[in-house]
């Protein structure tokens, strides 16, 4: 009996050790396994649905900007000029001298316009006469080109004249004064020669209407731009 018990005890110890060592790896294998997958959450009926997608809008059409137009205004070389002239005049006096200032006003479809202020004077025997005239001229623009050195001169227009006469009575030591105002229409014809950008000369004749007072003359003048 004693020998049988001695043999049973070691067998029991081996069986216990085998059980302990065999279950430990299984437990470790179970512990190292992947965690269970999470369960999907239940849909929330109170959640706000995403807004509906709007269809793509076409790009805005750019506003049409107003077109800018520029107008080039023609300005001649002799926009301002002075004229110094003299010549024979119809009537009592033999020679008439004048100084005038001309200002270019503008150009239309057919005519160019200019304004002239003229001071003229003459003397003969005991009579001296001076006049101040304001002219509005119209010159056909198709009768010449600015590039021409020799240009036809054709122009016409109304004018207002203030004429003052001074008479010295010989032997009476008296001086008499007389002034009158005239409104006339004048027409000029001649030519002008451009010598340089600043200097030129002209030759022209003038006829006037009405003819209740003679004011017609022929003139040669120098003009300075």
Protein backbone atom coordinates (compact mmCIF):
# COMPACT_ATOMS: atom_id res chain seq x y z
CA UNK A 1 0.00 0.00 0.00
CA UNK A 2 2.73 2.33 0.94
CA UNK A 3 4.47 1.77 -2.42
CA UNK A 4 1.24 2.28 -4.33
CA UNK A 5 0.62 5.64 -2.62
CA UNK A 6 4.18 6.69 -3.38
CA UNK A 7 3.54 6.11 -7.08
CA UNK A 8 0.16 7.91 -7.14
CA UNK A 9 1.44 11.12 -5.59
CA UNK A 10 3.94 11.98 -8.37
CA UNK A 11 1.30 11.19 -11.00
CA UNK A 12 -1.13 13.58 -9.35
CA UNK A 13 1.48 16.34 -9.28
CA UNK A 14 2.25 15.92 -13.00
CA UNK A 15 -1.42 15.99 -13.91
CA UNK A 16 -1.96 19.19 -11.93
CA UNK A 17 1.03 20.82 -13.60
CA UNK A 18 -0.19 19.76 -17.03
CA UNK A 19 -3.59 21.28 -16.40
CA UNK A 20 -2.12 24.54 -15.20
CA UNK A 21 0.31 24.86 -18.08
CA UNK A 22 -2.24 23.87 -20.71
CA UNK A 23 -4.99 26.37 -19.78
CA UNK A 24 -2.64 29.40 -19.46
CA UNK A 25 -1.80 29.73 -23.21
CA UNK A 26 -5.47 29.43 -24.09
CA UNK A 27 -6.38 32.25 -21.78
CA UNK A 28 -3.56 34.37 -23.19
CA UNK A 29 -4.76 33.65 -26.72
CA UNK A 30 -8.25 34.74 -25.81
CA UNK A 31 -6.92 37.93 -24.19
CA UNK A 32 -4.84 38.92 -27.27
CA UNK A 33 -7.74 38.57 -29.71
CA UNK A 34 -9.30 41.56 -31.54
CA UNK A 35 -11.86 43.56 -29.55
CA UNK A 36 -15.43 43.10 -30.60
CA UNK A 37 -16.67 45.48 -33.37
CA UNK A 38 -18.80 48.39 -32.07
CA UNK A 39 -22.44 48.18 -32.82
CA UNK A 40 -23.83 50.95 -35.15
CA UNK A 41 -25.68 53.68 -33.34
CA UNK A 42 -29.38 53.89 -33.81
CA UNK A 43 -30.46 56.75 -36.12
CA UNK A 44 -31.55 59.91 -34.34
CA UNK A 45 -34.95 60.94 -35.53
CA UNK A 46 -34.46 64.46 -34.11
CA UNK A 47 -31.34 65.28 -36.23
CA UNK A 48 -31.78 68.10 -38.81
CA UNK A 49 -31.42 66.77 -42.36
CA UNK A 50 -28.66 68.38 -44.46
CA UNK A 51 -29.83 71.23 -46.69
CA UNK A 52 -30.70 70.35 -50.23
CA UNK A 53 -28.02 71.22 -52.73
CA UNK A 54 -28.89 74.18 -54.96
CA UNK A 55 -28.32 73.82 -58.69
CA UNK A 56 -25.21 75.70 -59.89
CA UNK A 57 -25.93 79.31 -60.80
CA UNK A 58 -24.53 80.78 -64.03
CA UNK A 59 -21.76 83.36 -63.54
CA UNK A 60 -23.02 86.96 -63.39
CA UNK A 61 -22.85 88.84 -66.65
CA UNK A 62 -20.43 91.78 -66.35
CA UNK A 63 -22.03 95.17 -66.80
CA UNK A 64 -21.27 96.80 -70.10
CA UNK A 65 -19.13 99.84 -69.52
CA UNK A 66 -20.03 102.93 -71.54
CA UNK A 67 -17.63 103.44 -74.37
CA UNK A 68 -15.46 106.54 -74.13
CA UNK A 69 -15.28 108.59 -77.27
CA UNK A 70 -12.85 111.44 -77.66
CA UNK A 71 -13.24 114.27 -80.06
CA UNK A 72 -10.14 115.85 -81.49
CA UNK A 73 -10.72 119.52 -81.98
CA UNK A 74 -8.96 121.18 -84.88
CA UNK A 75 -6.92 124.25 -83.92
CA UNK A 76 -5.04 126.10 -86.68
CA UNK A 77 -1.52 127.41 -86.37
CA UNK A 78 -2.64 131.04 -86.66
CA UNK A 79 -5.27 130.89 -83.94
CA UNK A 80 -4.23 134.41 -82.92
CA UNK A 81 -2.47 136.87 -85.12
CA UNK A 82 -1.83 140.58 -85.60
CA UNK A 83 -2.05 142.33 -88.97
CA UNK A 84 -0.34 145.58 -89.94
CA UNK A 85 -1.43 146.93 -93.32
CA UNK A 86 -1.96 149.93 -95.55
CA UNK A 87 -3.44 150.63 -98.94
CA UNK A 88 -5.53 152.95 -101.10
CA UNK A 89 -9.09 153.54 -99.94
CA UNK A 90 -12.17 154.65 -101.82
CA UNK A 91 -13.42 158.14 -101.09
CA UNK A 92 -11.81 161.36 -99.96
CA UNK A 93 -8.71 159.88 -98.36
CA UNK A 94 -5.88 158.47 -100.38
CA UNK A 95 -4.18 155.97 -98.04
CA UNK A 96 -5.63 154.06 -95.10
CA UNK A 97 -3.49 152.39 -92.48
CA UNK A 98 -4.76 149.84 -89.99
CA UNK A 99 -3.74 147.52 -87.18
CA UNK A 100 -5.93 144.54 -86.39
CA UNK A 101 -6.08 141.58 -84.09
CA UNK A 102 -7.72 138.36 -85.30
CA UNK A 103 -8.97 135.53 -83.12
CA UNK A 104 -10.00 132.14 -84.49
CA UNK A 105 -13.37 131.03 -83.03
CA UNK A 106 -14.01 127.61 -84.50
CA UNK A 107 -14.72 125.53 -87.55
CA UNK A 108 -18.06 124.18 -88.73
CA UNK A 109 -18.95 121.77 -91.52
CA UNK A 110 -18.38 124.41 -94.23
CA UNK A 111 -17.04 127.63 -92.70
CA UNK A 112 -14.48 128.58 -90.13
CA UNK A 113 -15.26 131.60 -88.02
CA UNK A 114 -12.98 134.30 -86.71
CA UNK A 115 -13.35 137.60 -84.91
CA UNK A 116 -11.28 140.65 -85.80
CA UNK A 117 -10.80 143.95 -84.03
CA UNK A 118 -9.42 146.69 -86.28
CA UNK A 119 -8.18 150.20 -85.68
CA UNK A 120 -7.68 152.28 -88.82
CA UNK A 121 -6.86 155.87 -89.59
CA UNK A 122 -6.18 158.32 -92.38
CA UNK A 123 -5.56 162.01 -92.84
CA UNK A 124 -5.79 164.51 -95.68
CA UNK A 125 -5.57 168.31 -95.59
CA UNK A 126 -7.31 169.48 -92.42
CA UNK A 127 -9.37 166.32 -91.95
CA UNK A 128 -8.28 163.35 -89.87
CA UNK A 129 -10.34 160.23 -89.49
CA UNK A 130 -10.06 157.24 -87.23
CA UNK A 131 -12.27 154.16 -87.01
CA UNK A 132 -12.76 151.19 -84.72
CA UNK A 133 -14.31 148.11 -86.31
CA UNK A 134 -15.42 144.73 -85.01
CA UNK A 135 -15.75 141.97 -87.66
CA UNK A 136 -17.19 138.49 -87.69
CA UNK A 137 -15.68 136.58 -90.60
CA UNK A 138 -16.71 133.32 -92.23
CA UNK A 139 -14.17 131.63 -94.46
CA UNK A 140 -14.98 128.51 -96.53
CA UNK A 141 -12.70 125.79 -95.18
CA UNK A 142 -12.59 123.92 -98.49
CA UNK A 143 -10.87 126.82 -100.29
CA UNK A 144 -7.44 126.12 -98.80
CA UNK A 145 -5.29 123.70 -96.86
CA UNK A 146 -3.12 124.60 -93.95
CA UNK A 147 -0.13 122.86 -95.53
CA UNK A 148 -0.17 125.29 -98.46
CA UNK A 149 2.33 128.12 -98.38
CA UNK A 150 0.22 130.25 -100.73
CA UNK A 151 -3.47 130.19 -99.85
CA UNK A 152 -6.51 131.81 -101.45
CA UNK A 153 -8.17 134.29 -99.13
CA UNK A 154 -11.96 134.42 -99.39
CA UNK A 155 -14.05 135.54 -96.43
CA UNK A 156 -17.10 137.62 -95.65
CA UNK A 157 -19.24 138.75 -92.74
CA UNK A 158 -20.86 141.62 -90.88
CA UNK A 159 -19.01 144.41 -89.11
CA UNK A 160 -19.78 147.39 -86.90
CA UNK A 161 -17.71 150.58 -87.27
CA UNK A 162 -17.40 153.63 -85.10
CA UNK A 163 -15.88 156.48 -87.14
CA UNK A 164 -14.55 159.69 -85.63
CA UNK A 165 -13.55 162.69 -87.79
CA UNK A 166 -11.55 165.66 -86.62
CA UNK A 167 -11.48 168.81 -88.74
CA UNK A 168 -9.20 171.77 -88.13
CA UNK A 169 -10.59 174.98 -89.56
CA UNK A 170 -7.68 176.98 -90.93
CA UNK A 171 -7.70 180.62 -89.82
CA UNK A 172 -10.40 180.05 -87.20
CA UNK A 173 -8.35 178.15 -84.65
CA UNK A 174 -11.22 175.77 -84.17
CA UNK A 175 -11.46 172.00 -84.22
CA UNK A 176 -14.67 170.19 -85.04
CA UNK A 177 -15.45 166.60 -84.10
CA UNK A 178 -17.93 164.26 -85.66
CA UNK A 179 -18.66 160.61 -84.96
CA UNK A 180 -20.90 158.07 -86.64
CA UNK A 181 -21.67 154.38 -86.35
CA UNK A 182 -22.03 152.13 -89.38
CA UNK A 183 -23.08 148.50 -89.78
CA UNK A 184 -21.95 146.88 -92.99
CA UNK A 185 -21.30 143.55 -94.62
CA UNK A 186 -17.83 143.09 -96.09
CA UNK A 187 -16.38 140.57 -98.51
CA UNK A 188 -12.63 140.04 -98.93
CA UNK A 189 -10.76 138.38 -101.78
CA UNK A 190 -7.03 137.92 -102.20
CA UNK A 191 -4.26 135.57 -101.13
CA UNK A 192 -1.88 135.09 -98.23
CA UNK A 193 1.67 133.76 -98.19
CA UNK A 194 3.02 131.91 -95.15
CA UNK A 195 6.74 132.65 -94.82
CA UNK A 196 7.27 130.79 -91.54
CA UNK A 197 5.33 129.55 -88.56
CA UNK A 198 5.23 133.10 -87.21
CA UNK A 199 5.33 135.51 -90.15
CA UNK A 200 3.49 135.96 -93.44
CA UNK A 201 1.93 138.61 -95.64
CA UNK A 202 -1.32 139.04 -97.52
CA UNK A 203 -2.83 141.08 -100.33
CA UNK A 204 -6.58 141.55 -100.45
CA UNK A 205 -9.36 143.81 -101.58
CA UNK A 206 -12.62 144.66 -99.82
CA UNK A 207 -16.09 145.49 -101.04
CA UNK A 208 -18.88 146.63 -98.74
CA UNK A 209 -22.67 146.80 -98.64
CA UNK A 210 -24.62 148.97 -98.27
CA UNK A 211 -22.63 151.65 -100.04
CA UNK A 212 -23.98 154.72 -98.23
CA UNK A 213 -20.43 155.36 -97.05
CA UNK A 214 -17.44 154.15 -99.06
CA UNK A 215 -15.25 151.74 -97.13
CA UNK A 216 -13.78 149.71 -99.95
CA UNK A 217 -10.01 149.42 -100.18
CA UNK A 218 -7.08 147.37 -101.43
CA UNK A 219 -4.56 146.37 -98.80
CA UNK A 220 -1.18 144.77 -98.31
CA UNK A 221 -0.42 143.61 -94.80
CA UNK A 222 2.05 141.67 -92.72
CA UNK A 223 0.68 139.26 -90.15
CA UNK A 224 2.38 137.92 -87.07
CA UNK A 225 1.16 134.75 -85.38
